[in-house]
PDB file of all heavy atoms in Angstrom:
ATOM      1  N   ARG A   1       0.825  -1.210   0.000  1.00  0.00           N
ATOM      2  CA  ARG A   1       0.000   0.000   0.000  1.00  0.00           C
ATOM      3  C   ARG A   1       0.859   1.260   0.000  1.00  0.00           C
ATOM      4  O   ARG A   1       0.438   2.305  -0.496  1.00  0.00           O
ATOM      5  CB  ARG A   1      -0.937   0.007   1.211  1.00  0.00           C
ATOM      6  CG  ARG A   1      -2.092  -0.975   1.111  1.00  0.00           C
ATOM      7  CD  ARG A   1      -3.257  -0.550   1.987  1.00  0.00           C
ATOM      8  NE  ARG A   1      -2.910  -0.495   3.386  1.00  0.00           N
ATOM      9  CZ  ARG A   1      -3.045  -1.507   4.253  1.00  0.00           C
ATOM     10  NH1 ARG A   1      -3.505  -2.676   3.810  1.00  0.00           N
ATOM     11  NH2 ARG A   1      -2.723  -1.372   5.508  1.00  0.00           N
ATOM     12  N   LEU A   2       2.052   1.170   0.540  1.00  0.00           N
ATOM     13  CA  LEU A   2       2.969   2.303   0.545  1.00  0.00           C
ATOM     14  C   LEU A   2       3.663   2.481  -0.807  1.00  0.00           C
ATOM     15  O   LEU A   2       4.421   3.429  -0.998  1.00  0.00           O
ATOM     16  CB  LEU A   2       4.040   2.116   1.632  1.00  0.00           C
ATOM     17  CG  LEU A   2       3.572   2.231   3.082  1.00  0.00           C
ATOM     18  CD1 LEU A   2       4.698   1.873   4.033  1.00  0.00           C
ATOM     19  CD2 LEU A   2       3.049   3.628   3.382  1.00  0.00           C
ATOM     20  N   GLY A   3       3.418   1.549  -1.717  1.00  0.00           N
ATOM     21  CA  GLY A   3       4.048   1.640  -3.028  1.00  0.00           C
ATOM     22  C   GLY A   3       5.435   1.034  -3.078  1.00  0.00           C
ATOM     23  O   GLY A   3       6.209   1.319  -3.994  1.00  0.00           O
ATOM     24  N   LEU A   4       5.750   0.198  -2.087  1.00  0.00           N
ATOM     25  CA  LEU A   4       7.066  -0.419  -2.007  1.00  0.00           C
ATOM     26  C   LEU A   4       6.948  -1.936  -2.157  1.00  0.00           C
ATOM     27  O   LEU A   4       5.844  -2.483  -2.202  1.00  0.00           O
ATOM     28  CB  LEU A   4       7.742  -0.099  -0.673  1.00  0.00           C
ATOM     29  CG  LEU A   4       7.880   1.385  -0.312  1.00  0.00           C
ATOM     30  CD1 LEU A   4       8.424   1.521   1.100  1.00  0.00           C
ATOM     31  CD2 LEU A   4       8.783   2.090  -1.298  1.00  0.00           C
ATOM     32  N   THR A   5       8.076  -2.607  -2.231  1.00  0.00           N
ATOM     33  CA  THR A   5       8.106  -4.074  -2.249  1.00  0.00           C
ATOM     34  C   THR A   5       9.189  -4.561  -1.300  1.00  0.00           C
ATOM     35  O   THR A   5      10.249  -3.932  -1.170  1.00  0.00           O
ATOM     36  CB  THR A   5       8.407  -4.617  -3.663  1.00  0.00           C
ATOM     37  OG1 THR A   5       9.630  -4.045  -4.135  1.00  0.00           O
ATOM     38  CG2 THR A   5       7.277  -4.289  -4.631  1.00  0.00           C
ATOM     39  N   LEU A   6       8.928  -5.668  -0.645  1.00  0.00           N
ATOM     40  CA  LEU A   6       9.945  -6.276   0.203  1.00  0.00           C
ATOM     41  C   LEU A   6      11.022  -6.915  -0.667  1.00  0.00           C
ATOM     42  O   LEU A   6      10.735  -7.422  -1.754  1.00  0.00           O
ATOM     43  CB  LEU A   6       9.332  -7.348   1.099  1.00  0.00           C
ATOM     44  CG  LEU A   6       8.427  -6.882   2.242  1.00  0.00           C
ATOM     45  CD1 LEU A   6       7.857  -8.097   2.976  1.00  0.00           C
ATOM     46  CD2 LEU A   6       9.188  -6.003   3.222  1.00  0.00           C
ATOM     47  N   ASN A   7      12.239  -6.890  -0.187  1.00  0.00           N
ATOM     48  CA  ASN A   7      13.315  -7.611  -0.856  1.00  0.00           C
ATOM     49  C   ASN A   7      13.166  -9.089  -0.503  1.00  0.00           C
ATOM     50  O   ASN A   7      13.570  -9.534   0.569  1.00  0.00           O
ATOM     51  CB  ASN A   7      14.671  -7.075  -0.391  1.00  0.00           C
ATOM     52  CG  ASN A   7      15.828  -7.688  -1.155  1.00  0.00           C
ATOM     53  OD1 ASN A   7      15.719  -8.790  -1.690  1.00  0.00           O
ATOM     54  ND2 ASN A   7      16.939  -6.977  -1.211  1.00  0.00           N
ATOM     55  N   GLU A   8      12.557  -9.844  -1.408  1.00  0.00           N
ATOM     56  CA  GLU A   8      12.244 -11.239  -1.115  1.00  0.00           C
ATOM     57  C   GLU A   8      13.487 -12.084  -0.888  1.00  0.00           C
ATOM     58  O   GLU A   8      13.444 -13.090  -0.184  1.00  0.00           O
ATOM     59  CB  GLU A   8      11.400 -11.835  -2.248  1.00  0.00           C
ATOM     60  CG  GLU A   8      10.025 -11.190  -2.404  1.00  0.00           C
ATOM     61  CD  GLU A   8       9.140 -11.367  -1.170  1.00  0.00           C
ATOM     62  OE1 GLU A   8       9.389 -12.304  -0.383  1.00  0.00           O
ATOM     63  OE2 GLU A   8       8.206 -10.559  -0.986  1.00  0.00           O
ATOM     64  N   ALA A   9      14.604 -11.689  -1.498  1.00  0.00           N
ATOM     65  CA  ALA A   9      15.842 -12.446  -1.310  1.00  0.00           C
ATOM     66  C   ALA A   9      16.331 -12.359   0.139  1.00  0.00           C
ATOM     67  O   ALA A   9      17.045 -13.250   0.613  1.00  0.00           O
ATOM     68  CB  ALA A   9      16.920 -11.938  -2.260  1.00  0.00           C
ATOM     69  N   LYS A  10      15.946 -11.279   0.829  1.00  0.00           N
ATOM     70  CA  LYS A  10      16.380 -11.091   2.214  1.00  0.00           C
ATOM     71  C   LYS A  10      15.232 -11.275   3.198  1.00  0.00           C
ATOM     72  O   LYS A  10      15.382 -10.983   4.388  1.00  0.00           O
ATOM     73  CB  LYS A  10      16.981  -9.690   2.387  1.00  0.00           C
ATOM     74  CG  LYS A  10      18.226  -9.452   1.557  1.00  0.00           C
ATOM     75  CD  LYS A  10      18.773  -8.052   1.807  1.00  0.00           C
ATOM     76  CE  LYS A  10      20.038  -7.801   1.001  1.00  0.00           C
ATOM     77  NZ  LYS A  10      20.582  -6.434   1.221  1.00  0.00           N
ATOM     78  N   THR A  11      14.085 -11.752   2.712  1.00  0.00           N
ATOM     79  CA  THR A  11      12.916 -11.892   3.567  1.00  0.00           C
ATOM     80  C   THR A  11      12.588 -13.373   3.748  1.00  0.00           C
ATOM     81  O   THR A  11      12.420 -14.099   2.764  1.00  0.00           O
ATOM     82  CB  THR A  11      11.697 -11.178   2.956  1.00  0.00           C
ATOM     83  OG1 THR A  11      12.019  -9.797   2.756  1.00  0.00           O
ATOM     84  CG2 THR A  11      10.488 -11.286   3.869  1.00  0.00           C
ATOM     85  N   SER A  12      12.509 -13.816   4.979  1.00  0.00           N
ATOM     86  CA  SER A  12      12.195 -15.225   5.253  1.00  0.00           C
ATOM     87  C   SER A  12      11.741 -15.362   6.695  1.00  0.00           C
ATOM     88  O   SER A  12      11.893 -14.442   7.502  1.00  0.00           O
ATOM     89  CB  SER A  12      13.420 -16.114   5.002  1.00  0.00           C
ATOM     90  OG  SER A  12      14.478 -15.753   5.870  1.00  0.00           O
ATOM     91  N   ILE A  13      11.186 -16.516   7.003  1.00  0.00           N
ATOM     92  CA  ILE A  13      10.778 -16.840   8.374  1.00  0.00           C
ATOM     93  C   ILE A  13      11.762 -17.868   8.920  1.00  0.00           C
ATOM     94  O   ILE A  13      12.027 -18.888   8.286  1.00  0.00           O
ATOM     95  CB  ILE A  13       9.345 -17.395   8.413  1.00  0.00           C
ATOM     96  CG1 ILE A  13       8.347 -16.310   7.970  1.00  0.00           C
ATOM     97  CG2 ILE A  13       9.000 -17.885   9.814  1.00  0.00           C
ATOM     98  CD1 ILE A  13       6.907 -16.796   7.923  1.00  0.00           C
ATOM     99  N   LYS A  14      12.307 -17.596  10.094  1.00  0.00           N
ATOM    100  CA  LYS A  14      13.284 -18.475  10.715  1.00  0.00           C
ATOM    101  C   LYS A  14      12.803 -18.920  12.098  1.00  0.00           C
ATOM    102  O   LYS A  14      12.200 -18.132  12.835  1.00  0.00           O
ATOM    103  CB  LYS A  14      14.626 -17.752  10.881  1.00  0.00           C
ATOM    104  CG  LYS A  14      15.275 -17.292   9.589  1.00  0.00           C
ATOM    105  CD  LYS A  14      15.932 -18.442   8.863  1.00  0.00           C
ATOM    106  CE  LYS A  14      16.760 -17.941   7.688  1.00  0.00           C
ATOM    107  NZ  LYS A  14      17.447 -19.038   6.985  1.00  0.00           N
ATOM    108  N   GLN A  15      13.052 -20.164  12.421  1.00  0.00           N
ATOM    109  CA  GLN A  15      12.867 -20.646  13.786  1.00  0.00           C
ATOM    110  C   GLN A  15      14.151 -20.310  14.540  1.00  0.00           C
ATOM    111  O   GLN A  15      15.140 -21.043  14.486  1.00  0.00           O
ATOM    112  CB  GLN A  15      12.611 -22.160  13.795  1.00  0.00           C
ATOM    113  CG  GLN A  15      11.331 -22.580  13.098  1.00  0.00           C
ATOM    114  CD  GLN A  15      10.098 -22.209  13.918  1.00  0.00           C
ATOM    115  OE1 GLN A  15      10.187 -21.914  15.112  1.00  0.00           O
ATOM    116  NE2 GLN A  15       8.947 -22.211  13.269  1.00  0.00           N
ATOM    117  N   ALA A  16      14.129 -19.188  15.241  1.00  0.00           N
ATOM    118  CA  ALA A  16      15.371 -18.613  15.751  1.00  0.00           C
ATOM    119  C   ALA A  16      16.083 -19.490  16.780  1.00  0.00           C
ATOM    120  O   ALA A  16      17.277 -19.297  17.024  1.00  0.00           O
ATOM    121  CB  ALA A  16      15.098 -17.239  16.358  1.00  0.00           C
ATOM    122  N   ARG A  17      15.375 -20.432  17.372  1.00  0.00           N
ATOM    123  CA  ARG A  17      16.040 -21.327  18.318  1.00  0.00           C
ATOM    124  C   ARG A  17      16.785 -22.461  17.615  1.00  0.00           C
ATOM    125  O   ARG A  17      17.637 -23.108  18.217  1.00  0.00           O
ATOM    126  CB  ARG A  17      15.030 -21.903  19.316  1.00  0.00           C
ATOM    127  CG  ARG A  17      14.437 -20.860  20.248  1.00  0.00           C
ATOM    128  CD  ARG A  17      13.544 -21.485  21.308  1.00  0.00           C
ATOM    129  NE  ARG A  17      12.987 -20.476  22.187  1.00  0.00           N
ATOM    130  CZ  ARG A  17      13.631 -19.941  23.236  1.00  0.00           C
ATOM    131  NH1 ARG A  17      14.852 -20.343  23.518  1.00  0.00           N
ATOM    132  NH2 ARG A  17      13.056 -19.024  23.979  1.00  0.00           N
ATOM    133  N   GLN A  18      16.438 -22.709  16.353  1.00  0.00           N
ATOM    134  CA  GLN A  18      17.116 -23.757  15.590  1.00  0.00           C
ATOM    135  C   GLN A  18      17.888 -23.219  14.388  1.00  0.00           C
ATOM    136  O   GLN A  18      18.811 -23.876  13.895  1.00  0.00           O
ATOM    137  CB  GLN A  18      16.107 -24.799  15.077  1.00  0.00           C
ATOM    138  CG  GLN A  18      15.506 -25.691  16.143  1.00  0.00           C
ATOM    139  CD  GLN A  18      14.315 -25.055  16.845  1.00  0.00           C
ATOM    140  OE1 GLN A  18      13.527 -24.364  16.206  1.00  0.00           O
ATOM    141  NE2 GLN A  18      14.188 -25.294  18.135  1.00  0.00           N
ATOM    142  N   GLU A  19      17.524 -22.032  13.892  1.00  0.00           N
ATOM    143  CA  GLU A  19      18.147 -21.477  12.694  1.00  0.00           C
ATOM    144  C   GLU A  19      18.735 -20.108  12.990  1.00  0.00           C
ATOM    145  O   GLU A  19      18.236 -19.371  13.824  1.00  0.00           O
ATOM    146  CB  GLU A  19      17.121 -21.334  11.571  1.00  0.00           C
ATOM    147  CG  GLU A  19      16.427 -22.615  11.166  1.00  0.00           C
ATOM    148  CD  GLU A  19      15.338 -22.359  10.138  1.00  0.00           C
ATOM    149  OE1 GLU A  19      14.188 -22.082  10.543  1.00  0.00           O
ATOM    150  OE2 GLU A  19      15.647 -22.408   8.935  1.00  0.00           O
ATOM    151  N   SER A  20      19.793 -19.784  12.280  1.00  0.00           N
ATOM    152  CA  SER A  20      20.424 -18.470  12.428  1.00  0.00           C
ATOM    153  C   SER A  20      19.821 -17.475  11.441  1.00  0.00           C
ATOM    154  O   SER A  20      19.330 -17.864  10.383  1.00  0.00           O
ATOM    155  CB  SER A  20      21.936 -18.571  12.180  1.00  0.00           C
ATOM    156  OG  SER A  20      22.550 -19.409  13.140  1.00  0.00           O
ATOM    157  N   PHE A  21      19.842 -16.212  11.809  1.00  0.00           N
ATOM    158  CA  PHE A  21      19.462 -15.152  10.881  1.00  0.00           C
ATOM    159  C   PHE A  21      20.432 -13.985  11.049  1.00  0.00           C
ATOM    160  O   PHE A  21      21.059 -13.824  12.100  1.00  0.00           O
ATOM    161  CB  PHE A  21      18.017 -14.701  11.092  1.00  0.00           C
ATOM    162  CG  PHE A  21      17.768 -13.979  12.392  1.00  0.00           C
ATOM    163  CD1 PHE A  21      17.827 -12.595  12.464  1.00  0.00           C
ATOM    164  CD2 PHE A  21      17.450 -14.683  13.549  1.00  0.00           C
ATOM    165  CE1 PHE A  21      17.585 -11.930  13.665  1.00  0.00           C
ATOM    166  CE2 PHE A  21      17.209 -14.028  14.743  1.00  0.00           C
ATOM    167  CZ  PHE A  21      17.282 -12.649  14.800  1.00  0.00           C
ATOM    168  N   HIS A  22      20.583 -13.194   9.990  1.00  0.00           N
ATOM    169  CA  HIS A  22      21.535 -12.100   9.982  1.00  0.00           C
ATOM    170  C   HIS A  22      20.815 -10.759  10.017  1.00  0.00           C
ATOM    171  O   HIS A  22      19.800 -10.574   9.350  1.00  0.00           O
ATOM    172  CB  HIS A  22      22.422 -12.181   8.733  1.00  0.00           C
ATOM    173  CG  HIS A  22      23.299 -13.397   8.704  1.00  0.00           C
ATOM    174  ND1 HIS A  22      22.836 -14.635   8.303  1.00  0.00           N
ATOM    175  CD2 HIS A  22      24.599 -13.575   9.044  1.00  0.00           C
ATOM    176  CE1 HIS A  22      23.820 -15.514   8.380  1.00  0.00           C
ATOM    177  NE2 HIS A  22      24.889 -14.902   8.823  1.00  0.00           N
ATOM    178  N   PHE A  23      21.375  -9.855  10.807  1.00  0.00           N
ATOM    179  CA  PHE A  23      20.783  -8.523  10.941  1.00  0.00           C
ATOM    180  C   PHE A  23      21.863  -7.544  11.358  1.00  0.00           C
ATOM    181  O   PHE A  23      22.559  -7.760  12.360  1.00  0.00           O
ATOM    182  CB  PHE A  23      19.649  -8.555  11.981  1.00  0.00           C
ATOM    183  CG  PHE A  23      18.898  -7.261  12.127  1.00  0.00           C
ATOM    184  CD1 PHE A  23      18.282  -6.661  11.039  1.00  0.00           C
ATOM    185  CD2 PHE A  23      18.786  -6.648  13.364  1.00  0.00           C
ATOM    186  CE1 PHE A  23      17.586  -5.463  11.174  1.00  0.00           C
ATOM    187  CE2 PHE A  23      18.085  -5.462  13.518  1.00  0.00           C
ATOM    188  CZ  PHE A  23      17.483  -4.872  12.413  1.00  0.00           C
ATOM    189  N   LEU A  24      22.033  -6.489  10.557  1.00  0.00           N
ATOM    190  CA  LEU A  24      22.980  -5.413  10.848  1.00  0.00           C
ATOM    191  C   LEU A  24      24.402  -5.925  11.084  1.00  0.00           C
ATOM    192  O   LEU A  24      25.115  -5.455  11.968  1.00  0.00           O
ATOM    193  CB  LEU A  24      22.507  -4.599  12.059  1.00  0.00           C
ATOM    194  CG  LEU A  24      21.122  -3.965  11.938  1.00  0.00           C
ATOM    195  CD1 LEU A  24      20.792  -3.157  13.175  1.00  0.00           C
ATOM    196  CD2 LEU A  24      21.035  -3.087  10.689  1.00  0.00           C
ATOM    197  N   GLY A  25      24.799  -6.918  10.313  1.00  0.00           N
ATOM    198  CA  GLY A  25      26.162  -7.420  10.385  1.00  0.00           C
ATOM    199  C   GLY A  25      26.395  -8.523  11.390  1.00  0.00           C
ATOM    200  O   GLY A  25      27.485  -9.097  11.449  1.00  0.00           O
ATOM    201  N   TYR A  26      25.362  -8.857  12.186  1.00  0.00           N
ATOM    202  CA  TYR A  26      25.484  -9.906  13.195  1.00  0.00           C
ATOM    203  C   TYR A  26      24.749 -11.176  12.757  1.00  0.00           C
ATOM    204  O   TYR A  26      23.787 -11.114  11.990  1.00  0.00           O
ATOM    205  CB  TYR A  26      24.885  -9.449  14.522  1.00  0.00           C
ATOM    206  CG  TYR A  26      25.813  -8.631  15.393  1.00  0.00           C
ATOM    207  CD1 TYR A  26      25.855  -7.246  15.303  1.00  0.00           C
ATOM    208  CD2 TYR A  26      26.646  -9.252  16.310  1.00  0.00           C
ATOM    209  CE1 TYR A  26      26.700  -6.495  16.102  1.00  0.00           C
ATOM    210  CE2 TYR A  26      27.494  -8.509  17.128  1.00  0.00           C
ATOM    211  CZ  TYR A  26      27.518  -7.138  17.018  1.00  0.00           C
ATOM    212  OH  TYR A  26      28.362  -6.402  17.813  1.00  0.00           O
ATOM    213  N   ARG A  27      25.209 -12.291  13.262  1.00  0.00           N
ATOM    214  CA  ARG A  27      24.497 -13.559  13.105  1.00  0.00           C
ATOM    215  C   ARG A  27      23.874 -13.907  14.448  1.00  0.00           C
ATOM    216  O   ARG A  27      24.571 -14.069  15.449  1.00  0.00           O
ATOM    217  CB  ARG A  27      25.446 -14.679  12.672  1.00  0.00           C
ATOM    218  CG  ARG A  27      24.768 -16.036  12.541  1.00  0.00           C
ATOM    219  CD  ARG A  27      25.720 -17.074  11.947  1.00  0.00           C
ATOM    220  NE  ARG A  27      26.767 -17.451  12.879  1.00  0.00           N
ATOM    221  CZ  ARG A  27      26.665 -18.473  13.729  1.00  0.00           C
ATOM    222  NH1 ARG A  27      25.553 -19.199  13.794  1.00  0.00           N
ATOM    223  NH2 ARG A  27      27.673 -18.771  14.525  1.00  0.00           N
ATOM    224  N   PHE A  28      22.554 -14.002  14.477  1.00  0.00           N
ATOM    225  CA  PHE A  28      21.813 -14.340  15.691  1.00  0.00           C
ATOM    226  C   PHE A  28      21.285 -15.776  15.597  1.00  0.00           C
ATOM    227  O   PHE A  28      20.906 -16.225  14.518  1.00  0.00           O
ATOM    228  CB  PHE A  28      20.627 -13.389  15.885  1.00  0.00           C
ATOM    229  CG  PHE A  28      21.029 -11.952  16.113  1.00  0.00           C
ATOM    230  CD1 PHE A  28      21.139 -11.069  15.047  1.00  0.00           C
ATOM    231  CD2 PHE A  28      21.300 -11.489  17.388  1.00  0.00           C
ATOM    232  CE1 PHE A  28      21.502  -9.741  15.239  1.00  0.00           C
ATOM    233  CE2 PHE A  28      21.658 -10.162  17.597  1.00  0.00           C
ATOM    234  CZ  PHE A  28      21.758  -9.293  16.519  1.00  0.00           C
ATOM    235  N   GLY A  29      21.234 -16.448  16.730  1.00  0.00           N
ATOM    236  CA  GLY A  29      20.694 -17.803  16.724  1.00  0.00           C
ATOM    237  C   GLY A  29      21.571 -18.762  17.500  1.00  0.00           C
ATOM    238  O   GLY A  29      22.342 -18.364  18.385  1.00  0.00           O
ATOM    239  N   PRO A  30      21.464 -20.052  17.196  1.00  0.00           N
ATOM    240  CA  PRO A  30      22.234 -21.058  17.936  1.00  0.00           C
ATOM    241  C   PRO A  30      23.732 -20.964  17.666  1.00  0.00           C
ATOM    242  O   PRO A  30      24.153 -20.819  16.521  1.00  0.00           O
ATOM    243  CB  PRO A  30      21.661 -22.392  17.434  1.00  0.00           C
ATOM    244  CG  PRO A  30      20.934 -22.078  16.180  1.00  0.00           C
ATOM    245  CD  PRO A  30      20.562 -20.658  16.206  1.00  0.00           C
ATOM    246  N   HIS A  31      24.518 -21.024  18.728  1.00  0.00           N
ATOM    247  CA  HIS A  31      25.974 -21.055  18.660  1.00  0.00           C
ATOM    248  C   HIS A  31      26.473 -22.245  19.479  1.00  0.00           C
ATOM    249  O   HIS A  31      25.765 -22.738  20.358  1.00  0.00           O
ATOM    250  CB  HIS A  31      26.585 -19.760  19.213  1.00  0.00           C
ATOM    251  CG  HIS A  31      26.400 -18.577  18.329  1.00  0.00           C
ATOM    252  ND1 HIS A  31      25.164 -18.035  18.031  1.00  0.00           N
ATOM    253  CD2 HIS A  31      27.310 -17.804  17.659  1.00  0.00           C
ATOM    254  CE1 HIS A  31      25.315 -16.991  17.242  1.00  0.00           C
ATOM    255  NE2 HIS A  31      26.602 -16.826  16.995  1.00  0.00           N
ATOM    256  N   CYS A  32      27.695 -22.655  19.192  1.00  0.00           N
ATOM    257  CA  CYS A  32      28.249 -23.825  19.862  1.00  0.00           C
ATOM    258  C   CYS A  32      29.511 -23.446  20.630  1.00  0.00           C
ATOM    259  O   CYS A  32      30.394 -22.766  20.085  1.00  0.00           O
ATOM    260  CB  CYS A  32      28.569 -24.921  18.836  1.00  0.00           C
ATOM    261  SG  CYS A  32      29.224 -26.432  19.565  1.00  0.00           S
ATOM    262  N   PHE A  33      29.580 -23.874  21.907  1.00  0.00           N
ATOM    263  CA  PHE A  33      30.801 -23.683  22.678  1.00  0.00           C
ATOM    264  C   PHE A  33      31.888 -24.591  22.112  1.00  0.00           C
ATOM    265  O   PHE A  33      31.687 -25.796  21.958  1.00  0.00           O
ATOM    266  CB  PHE A  33      30.574 -24.032  24.151  1.00  0.00           C
ATOM    267  CG  PHE A  33      29.868 -22.951  24.929  1.00  0.00           C
ATOM    268  CD1 PHE A  33      28.582 -23.147  25.385  1.00  0.00           C
ATOM    269  CD2 PHE A  33      30.501 -21.749  25.214  1.00  0.00           C
ATOM    270  CE1 PHE A  33      27.922 -22.157  26.111  1.00  0.00           C
ATOM    271  CE2 PHE A  33      29.846 -20.753  25.936  1.00  0.00           C
ATOM    272  CZ  PHE A  33      28.561 -20.964  26.380  1.00  0.00           C
ATOM    273  N   ALA A  34      33.051 -24.004  21.805  1.00  0.00           N
ATOM    274  CA  ALA A  34      34.133 -24.793  21.220  1.00  0.00           C
ATOM    275  C   ALA A  34      34.705 -25.794  22.224  1.00  0.00           C
ATOM    276  O   ALA A  34      35.174 -26.870  21.847  1.00  0.00           O
ATOM    277  CB  ALA A  34      35.252 -23.869  20.721  1.00  0.00           C
ATOM    278  N   ARG A  35      34.644 -25.465  23.501  1.00  0.00           N
ATOM    279  CA  ARG A  35      35.281 -26.323  24.500  1.00  0.00           C
ATOM    280  C   ARG A  35      34.541 -27.637  24.711  1.00  0.00           C
ATOM    281  O   ARG A  35      35.141 -28.711  24.730  1.00  0.00           O
ATOM    282  CB  ARG A  35      35.378 -25.573  25.836  1.00  0.00           C
ATOM    283  CG  ARG A  35      36.346 -24.401  25.815  1.00  0.00           C
ATOM    284  CD  ARG A  35      36.411 -23.741  27.178  1.00  0.00           C
ATOM    285  NE  ARG A  35      37.346 -22.617  27.192  1.00  0.00           N
ATOM    286  CZ  ARG A  35      37.573 -21.851  28.255  1.00  0.00           C
ATOM    287  NH1 ARG A  35      36.925 -22.088  29.399  1.00  0.00           N
ATOM    288  NH2 ARG A  35      38.441 -20.857  28.175  1.00  0.00           N
ATOM    289  N   ASP A  36      33.229 -27.557  24.888  1.00  0.00           N
ATOM    290  CA  ASP A  36      32.487 -28.772  25.245  1.00  0.00           C
ATOM    291  C   ASP A  36      31.378 -29.120  24.259  1.00  0.00           C
ATOM    292  O   ASP A  36      30.669 -30.106  24.443  1.00  0.00           O
ATOM    293  CB  ASP A  36      31.892 -28.636  26.646  1.00  0.00           C
ATOM    294  CG  ASP A  36      31.058 -27.369  26.812  1.00  0.00           C
ATOM    295  OD1 ASP A  36      30.667 -26.775  25.776  1.00  0.00           O
ATOM    296  OD2 ASP A  36      30.797 -26.971  27.959  1.00  0.00           O
ATOM    297  N   GLY A  37      31.188 -28.323  23.205  1.00  0.00           N
ATOM    298  CA  GLY A  37      30.191 -28.649  22.199  1.00  0.00           C
ATOM    299  C   GLY A  37      28.766 -28.319  22.595  1.00  0.00           C
ATOM    300  O   GLY A  37      27.832 -28.669  21.867  1.00  0.00           O
ATOM    301  N   ARG A  38      28.556 -27.622  23.705  1.00  0.00           N
ATOM    302  CA  ARG A  38      27.203 -27.245  24.120  1.00  0.00           C
ATOM    303  C   ARG A  38      26.688 -26.115  23.242  1.00  0.00           C
ATOM    304  O   ARG A  38      27.436 -25.261  22.793  1.00  0.00           O
ATOM    305  CB  ARG A  38      27.182 -26.807  25.586  1.00  0.00           C
ATOM    306  CG  ARG A  38      27.359 -27.940  26.567  1.00  0.00           C
ATOM    307  CD  ARG A  38      27.126 -27.480  28.005  1.00  0.00           C
ATOM    308  NE  ARG A  38      28.072 -26.440  28.410  1.00  0.00           N
ATOM    309  CZ  ARG A  38      27.731 -25.188  28.662  1.00  0.00           C
ATOM    310  NH1 ARG A  38      26.472 -24.790  28.531  1.00  0.00           N
ATOM    311  NH2 ARG A  38      28.648 -24.303  29.030  1.00  0.00           N
ATOM    312  N   TRP A  39      25.364 -26.102  23.023  1.00  0.00           N
ATOM    313  CA  TRP A  39      24.726 -25.091  22.187  1.00  0.00           C
ATOM    314  C   TRP A  39      24.081 -24.020  23.056  1.00  0.00           C
ATOM    315  O   TRP A  39      23.598 -24.308  24.154  1.00  0.00           O
ATOM    316  CB  TRP A  39      23.685 -25.716  21.268  1.00  0.00           C
ATOM    317  CG  TRP A  39      24.289 -26.557  20.184  1.00  0.00           C
ATOM    318  CD1 TRP A  39      24.603 -27.883  20.254  1.00  0.00           C
ATOM    319  CD2 TRP A  39      24.692 -26.121  18.884  1.00  0.00           C
ATOM    320  NE1 TRP A  39      25.165 -28.313  19.088  1.00  0.00           N
ATOM    321  CE2 TRP A  39      25.227 -27.249  18.213  1.00  0.00           C
ATOM    322  CE3 TRP A  39      24.636 -24.904  18.214  1.00  0.00           C
ATOM    323  CZ2 TRP A  39      25.719 -27.185  16.921  1.00  0.00           C
ATOM    324  CZ3 TRP A  39      25.128 -24.835  16.921  1.00  0.00           C
ATOM    325  CH2 TRP A  39      25.651 -25.961  16.288  1.00  0.00           C
ATOM    326  N   TYR A  40      24.072 -22.813  22.557  1.00  0.00           N
ATOM    327  CA  TYR A  40      23.431 -21.702  23.264  1.00  0.00           C
ATOM    328  C   TYR A  40      22.935 -20.692  22.236  1.00  0.00           C
ATOM    329  O   TYR A  40      23.382 -20.681  21.082  1.00  0.00           O
ATOM    330  CB  TYR A  40      24.414 -21.041  24.234  1.00  0.00           C
ATOM    331  CG  TYR A  40      25.559 -20.326  23.548  1.00  0.00           C
ATOM    332  CD1 TYR A  40      25.539 -18.951  23.323  1.00  0.00           C
ATOM    333  CD2 TYR A  40      26.685 -21.039  23.129  1.00  0.00           C
ATOM    334  CE1 TYR A  40      26.585 -18.304  22.699  1.00  0.00           C
ATOM    335  CE2 TYR A  40      27.743 -20.401  22.501  1.00  0.00           C
ATOM    336  CZ  TYR A  40      27.692 -19.042  22.291  1.00  0.00           C
ATOM    337  OH  TYR A  40      28.735 -18.401  21.666  1.00  0.00           O
ATOM    338  N   LEU A  41      21.993 -19.843  22.638  1.00  0.00           N
ATOM    339  CA  LEU A  41      21.485 -18.782  21.764  1.00  0.00           C
ATOM    340  C   LEU A  41      22.313 -17.522  21.987  1.00  0.00           C
ATOM    341  O   LEU A  41      22.491 -17.084  23.125  1.00  0.00           O
ATOM    342  CB  LEU A  41      20.014 -18.497  22.063  1.00  0.00           C
ATOM    343  CG  LEU A  41      19.016 -19.593  21.681  1.00  0.00           C
ATOM    344  CD1 LEU A  41      17.616 -19.198  22.105  1.00  0.00           C
ATOM    345  CD2 LEU A  41      19.066 -19.869  20.190  1.00  0.00           C
ATOM    346  N   GLY A  42      22.816 -16.965  20.904  1.00  0.00           N
ATOM    347  CA  GLY A  42      23.659 -15.792  21.047  1.00  0.00           C
ATOM    348  C   GLY A  42      23.813 -15.026  19.753  1.00  0.00           C
ATOM    349  O   GLY A  42      23.055 -15.217  18.802  1.00  0.00           O
ATOM    350  N   ALA A  43      24.816 -14.163  19.728  1.00  0.00           N
ATOM    351  CA  ALA A  43      25.093 -13.325  18.560  1.00  0.00           C
ATOM    352  C   ALA A  43      26.593 -13.268  18.330  1.00  0.00           C
ATOM    353  O   ALA A  43      27.381 -13.349  19.277  1.00  0.00           O
ATOM    354  CB  ALA A  43      24.535 -11.920  18.773  1.00  0.00           C
ATOM    355  N   SER A  44      26.983 -13.116  17.084  1.00  0.00           N
ATOM    356  CA  SER A  44      28.393 -13.005  16.723  1.00  0.00           C
ATOM    357  C   SER A  44      28.505 -12.277  15.391  1.00  0.00           C
ATOM    358  O   SER A  44      27.542 -12.227  14.614  1.00  0.00           O
ATOM    359  CB  SER A  44      29.035 -14.398  16.613  1.00  0.00           C
ATOM    360  OG  SER A  44      28.381 -15.166  15.616  1.00  0.00           O
ATOM    361  N   PRO A  45      29.662 -11.679  15.091  1.00  0.00           N
ATOM    362  CA  PRO A  45      29.839 -11.029  13.785  1.00  0.00           C
ATOM    363  C   PRO A  45      29.641 -12.036  12.652  1.00  0.00           C
ATOM    364  O   PRO A  45      30.142 -13.159  12.719  1.00  0.00           O
ATOM    365  CB  PRO A  45      31.288 -10.524  13.832  1.00  0.00           C
ATOM    366  CG  PRO A  45      31.602 -10.394  15.296  1.00  0.00           C
ATOM    367  CD  PRO A  45      30.848 -11.501  15.961  1.00  0.00           C
TER     368      PRO A  45
END
């Protein structure tokens, strides 16, 4: 209605607890501890 279109290449639905998504240069979502292999939700470049 505003006369615009979404950038479909950058538009998607993610299950953020299982999948990562990128925003403003960061990767958000599941990460793995290098020491013991445990998973956690976080952010990284």
